[in-house]
Amino acid sequence: MDAVTPHRVDARGLLCPLPVIRLQDAAKTLPPNSLVELIGTDPGILNDVPAWCRINGHQILESREENGEFHVLLKLGE
């Protein structure tokens, strides 16, 4: 992976399904192969985002919890 800065989607304070909706809206505006980092406080994103990625052909590169926030880094598919 190159040193491209990912597009950041801030979904802190939002509950399901809003983090995925924010992510989907951002994905519509970005070209294929873009890196996107979703940051949220709802632990449900650790299940919801991988499911959304499988359905839409995107790839999870990393997911982690940091200081009570959940970070999911993904690469947009075609």
C-alpha atoms as a PDB file:
ATOM      1  CA  MET A   1       0.000   0.000   0.000  1.00  0.00           C
ATOM      2  CA  ASP A   2       1.322   3.442  -0.816  1.00  0.00           C
ATOM      3  CA  ALA A   3       1.394   6.453   1.491  1.00  0.00           C
ATOM      4  CA  VAL A   4      -1.896   7.933   0.266  1.00  0.00           C
ATOM      5  CA  THR A   5      -3.865   9.665   2.996  1.00  0.00           C
ATOM      6  CA  PRO A   6      -7.275   8.042   3.351  1.00  0.00           C
ATOM      7  CA  HIS A   7     -10.495  10.010   3.041  1.00  0.00           C
ATOM      8  CA  ARG A   8     -11.853  10.277   6.594  1.00  0.00           C
ATOM      9  CA  VAL A   9     -15.517   9.707   7.447  1.00  0.00           C
ATOM     10  CA  ASP A  10     -16.356  10.875  10.965  1.00  0.00           C
ATOM     11  CA  ALA A  11     -19.316   8.957  12.361  1.00  0.00           C
ATOM     12  CA  ARG A  12     -18.576   9.521  16.054  1.00  0.00           C
ATOM     13  CA  GLY A  13     -21.732   9.794  18.119  1.00  0.00           C
ATOM     14  CA  LEU A  14     -23.885   8.171  15.423  1.00  0.00           C
ATOM     15  CA  LEU A  15     -25.694   4.867  15.867  1.00  0.00           C
ATOM     16  CA  CYS A  16     -26.550   2.180  13.325  1.00  0.00           C
ATOM     17  CA  PRO A  17     -27.330   2.557  10.482  1.00  0.00           C
ATOM     18  CA  LEU A  18     -25.989   6.131  10.211  1.00  0.00           C
ATOM     19  CA  PRO A  19     -22.244   5.288  10.151  1.00  0.00           C
ATOM     20  CA  VAL A  20     -22.727   2.991   7.150  1.00  0.00           C
ATOM     21  CA  ILE A  21     -24.960   5.561   5.449  1.00  0.00           C
ATOM     22  CA  ARG A  22     -22.252   8.214   5.887  1.00  0.00           C
ATOM     23  CA  LEU A  23     -19.684   5.778   4.527  1.00  0.00           C
ATOM     24  CA  GLN A  24     -21.873   4.907   1.549  1.00  0.00           C
ATOM     25  CA  ASP A  25     -22.465   8.592   0.749  1.00  0.00           C
ATOM     26  CA  ALA A  26     -18.712   9.260   0.831  1.00  0.00           C
ATOM     27  CA  ALA A  27     -17.967   6.199  -1.323  1.00  0.00           C
ATOM     28  CA  LYS A  28     -20.286   7.508  -4.049  1.00  0.00           C
ATOM     29  CA  THR A  29     -18.122  10.625  -4.417  1.00  0.00           C
ATOM     30  CA  LEU A  30     -14.727   8.860  -4.518  1.00  0.00           C
ATOM     31  CA  PRO A  31     -13.002   6.990  -7.343  1.00  0.00           C
ATOM     32  CA  PRO A  32     -12.385   3.221  -7.223  1.00  0.00           C
ATOM     33  CA  ASN A  33      -9.365   2.108  -5.179  1.00  0.00           C
ATOM     34  CA  SER A  34      -9.672   5.098  -2.840  1.00  0.00           C
ATOM     35  CA  LEU A  35      -8.753   4.525   0.781  1.00  0.00           C
ATOM     36  CA  VAL A  36     -11.394   5.468   3.335  1.00  0.00           C
ATOM     37  CA  GLU A  37     -11.133   5.531   7.112  1.00  0.00           C
ATOM     38  CA  LEU A  38     -14.380   5.391   9.066  1.00  0.00           C
ATOM     39  CA  ILE A  39     -14.174   6.509  12.676  1.00  0.00           C
ATOM     40  CA  GLY A  40     -17.119   5.830  14.959  1.00  0.00           C
ATOM     41  CA  THR A  41     -18.141   5.217  18.532  1.00  0.00           C
ATOM     42  CA  ASP A  42     -20.792   2.554  17.786  1.00  0.00           C
ATOM     43  CA  PRO A  43     -19.150  -0.885  18.099  1.00  0.00           C
ATOM     44  CA  GLY A  44     -21.687  -2.153  15.564  1.00  0.00           C
ATOM     45  CA  ILE A  45     -19.560  -0.717  12.763  1.00  0.00           C
ATOM     46  CA  LEU A  46     -17.117  -3.597  13.283  1.00  0.00           C
ATOM     47  CA  ASN A  47     -19.853  -5.916  11.971  1.00  0.00           C
ATOM     48  CA  ASP A  48     -21.859  -3.576   9.748  1.00  0.00           C
ATOM     49  CA  VAL A  49     -18.988  -2.187   7.670  1.00  0.00           C
ATOM     50  CA  PRO A  50     -17.489  -5.593   6.725  1.00  0.00           C
ATOM     51  CA  ALA A  51     -20.967  -6.764   5.667  1.00  0.00           C
ATOM     52  CA  TRP A  52     -21.465  -3.592   3.590  1.00  0.00           C
ATOM     53  CA  CYS A  53     -18.031  -4.109   2.019  1.00  0.00           C
ATOM     54  CA  ARG A  54     -18.794  -7.725   1.050  1.00  0.00           C
ATOM     55  CA  ILE A  55     -22.060  -6.673  -0.608  1.00  0.00           C
ATOM     56  CA  ASN A  56     -20.470  -3.754  -2.476  1.00  0.00           C
ATOM     57  CA  GLY A  57     -17.089  -5.222  -3.447  1.00  0.00           C
ATOM     58  CA  HIS A  58     -14.899  -3.176  -1.120  1.00  0.00           C
ATOM     59  CA  GLN A  59     -12.006  -4.503   0.980  1.00  0.00           C
ATOM     60  CA  ILE A  60     -11.358  -4.053   4.714  1.00  0.00           C
ATOM     61  CA  LEU A  61      -7.658  -3.380   5.265  1.00  0.00           C
ATOM     62  CA  GLU A  62      -7.684  -2.829   9.014  1.00  0.00           C
ATOM     63  CA  SER A  63     -10.057  -2.421  11.928  1.00  0.00           C
ATOM     64  CA  ARG A  64      -9.130  -1.475  15.452  1.00  0.00           C
ATOM     65  CA  GLU A  65     -10.367   0.103  18.666  1.00  0.00           C
ATOM     66  CA  GLU A  66      -8.488   3.099  19.991  1.00  0.00           C
ATOM     67  CA  ASN A  67      -9.528   5.125  23.054  1.00  0.00           C
ATOM     68  CA  GLY A  68     -13.159   4.019  22.801  1.00  0.00           C
ATOM     69  CA  GLU A  69     -13.362   4.780  19.092  1.00  0.00           C
ATOM     70  CA  PHE A  70     -13.549   2.253  16.289  1.00  0.00           C
ATOM     71  CA  HIS A  71     -11.453   2.770  13.163  1.00  0.00           C
ATOM     72  CA  VAL A  72     -12.058   0.868   9.946  1.00  0.00           C
ATOM     73  CA  LEU A  73      -9.732   1.385   6.995  1.00  0.00           C
ATOM     74  CA  LEU A  74     -11.031   0.165   3.667  1.00  0.00           C
ATOM     75  CA  LYS A  75     -10.256   0.251  -0.014  1.00  0.00           C
ATOM     76  CA  LEU A  76     -13.096   0.962  -2.402  1.00  0.00           C
ATOM     77  CA  GLY A  77     -13.671  -1.555  -5.161  1.00  0.00           C
ATOM     78  CA  GLU A  78     -14.745  -0.927  -8.729  1.00  0.00           C
END
